[in-house]
Amino acid sequence: MSPSDKKYSQQFDELFREYFEPLLNYINVQLKNIEDSREIVQSTFLNIWNYRGKIDMDSPAWKVICI
């Protein structure tokens, strides 16, 4: 794993740990279906991971932009 991949992996892990539950709860309030809500949040994080090369991790707002 290259240093930039490792850095992104660590930042992604932080993002996931910080926002997965709050996003899941927020979406579940709207949908009232935990399975669908979990799928949406997982899909969101998968998209963030898939587009990691296009995200400027040095930007102070990168977490906000991703979510």
Protein backbone atom coordinates (compact mmCIF):
# COMPACT_ATOMS: atom_id res chain seq x y z
CA MET A 1 0.00 0.00 0.00
CA SER A 2 1.45 3.36 -1.01
CA PRO A 3 1.71 6.17 1.55
CA SER A 4 -1.14 8.07 -0.11
CA ASP A 5 -3.34 4.95 -0.09
CA LYS A 6 -2.54 4.40 3.57
CA LYS A 7 -3.36 8.04 4.36
CA TYR A 8 -6.66 7.81 2.51
CA SER A 9 -7.49 4.50 4.19
CA GLN A 10 -6.95 6.05 7.62
CA GLN A 11 -9.03 9.11 6.75
CA PHE A 12 -11.78 6.98 5.27
CA ASP A 13 -11.81 4.86 8.42
CA GLU A 14 -12.20 8.03 10.53
CA LEU A 15 -15.02 9.25 8.29
CA PHE A 16 -16.78 5.90 8.47
CA ARG A 17 -16.49 5.60 12.25
CA GLU A 18 -17.66 9.16 12.81
CA TYR A 19 -20.58 9.31 10.38
CA PHE A 20 -21.95 5.81 9.73
CA GLU A 21 -24.28 5.65 12.74
CA PRO A 22 -25.50 9.26 12.56
CA LEU A 23 -26.25 8.91 8.85
CA LEU A 24 -27.94 5.57 9.39
CA ASN A 25 -30.12 7.03 12.13
CA TYR A 26 -31.00 10.12 10.08
CA ILE A 27 -31.95 8.14 7.00
CA ASN A 28 -33.85 5.58 9.03
CA VAL A 29 -35.98 8.37 10.55
CA GLN A 30 -36.90 9.37 7.01
CA LEU A 31 -37.45 5.88 5.58
CA LYS A 32 -38.51 3.97 8.68
CA ASN A 33 -36.80 0.91 7.25
CA ILE A 34 -33.46 -0.05 8.78
CA GLU A 35 -32.43 -2.44 5.98
CA ASP A 36 -32.99 0.15 3.25
CA SER A 37 -31.32 2.81 5.36
CA ARG A 38 -28.25 0.64 5.93
CA GLU A 39 -28.04 -0.11 2.20
CA ILE A 40 -28.12 3.61 1.34
CA VAL A 41 -25.41 4.47 3.86
CA GLN A 42 -23.24 1.56 2.76
CA SER A 43 -23.67 2.60 -0.85
CA THR A 44 -22.67 6.15 0.05
CA PHE A 45 -19.47 4.98 1.71
CA LEU A 46 -18.72 2.63 -1.14
CA ASN A 47 -19.00 5.54 -3.59
CA ILE A 48 -16.66 7.61 -1.44
CA TRP A 49 -14.16 4.75 -1.47
CA ASN A 50 -14.51 4.23 -5.23
CA TYR A 51 -13.90 7.92 -5.95
CA ARG A 52 -11.07 8.28 -3.45
CA GLY A 53 -8.62 9.31 -6.15
CA LYS A 54 -10.76 12.32 -7.04
CA ILE A 55 -11.25 13.59 -3.48
CA ASP A 56 -8.85 16.21 -2.16
CA MET A 57 -8.07 14.82 1.27
CA ASP A 58 -6.01 17.89 2.14
CA SER A 59 -9.05 20.13 1.89
CA PRO A 60 -10.44 21.00 5.32
CA ALA A 61 -13.95 20.38 3.98
CA TRP A 62 -13.39 16.95 2.44
CA LYS A 63 -15.59 15.14 4.99
CA VAL A 64 -18.47 17.54 4.39
CA ILE A 65 -18.09 17.25 0.62
CA CYS A 66 -18.16 13.44 0.80
CA ILE A 67 -21.26 13.25 2.95
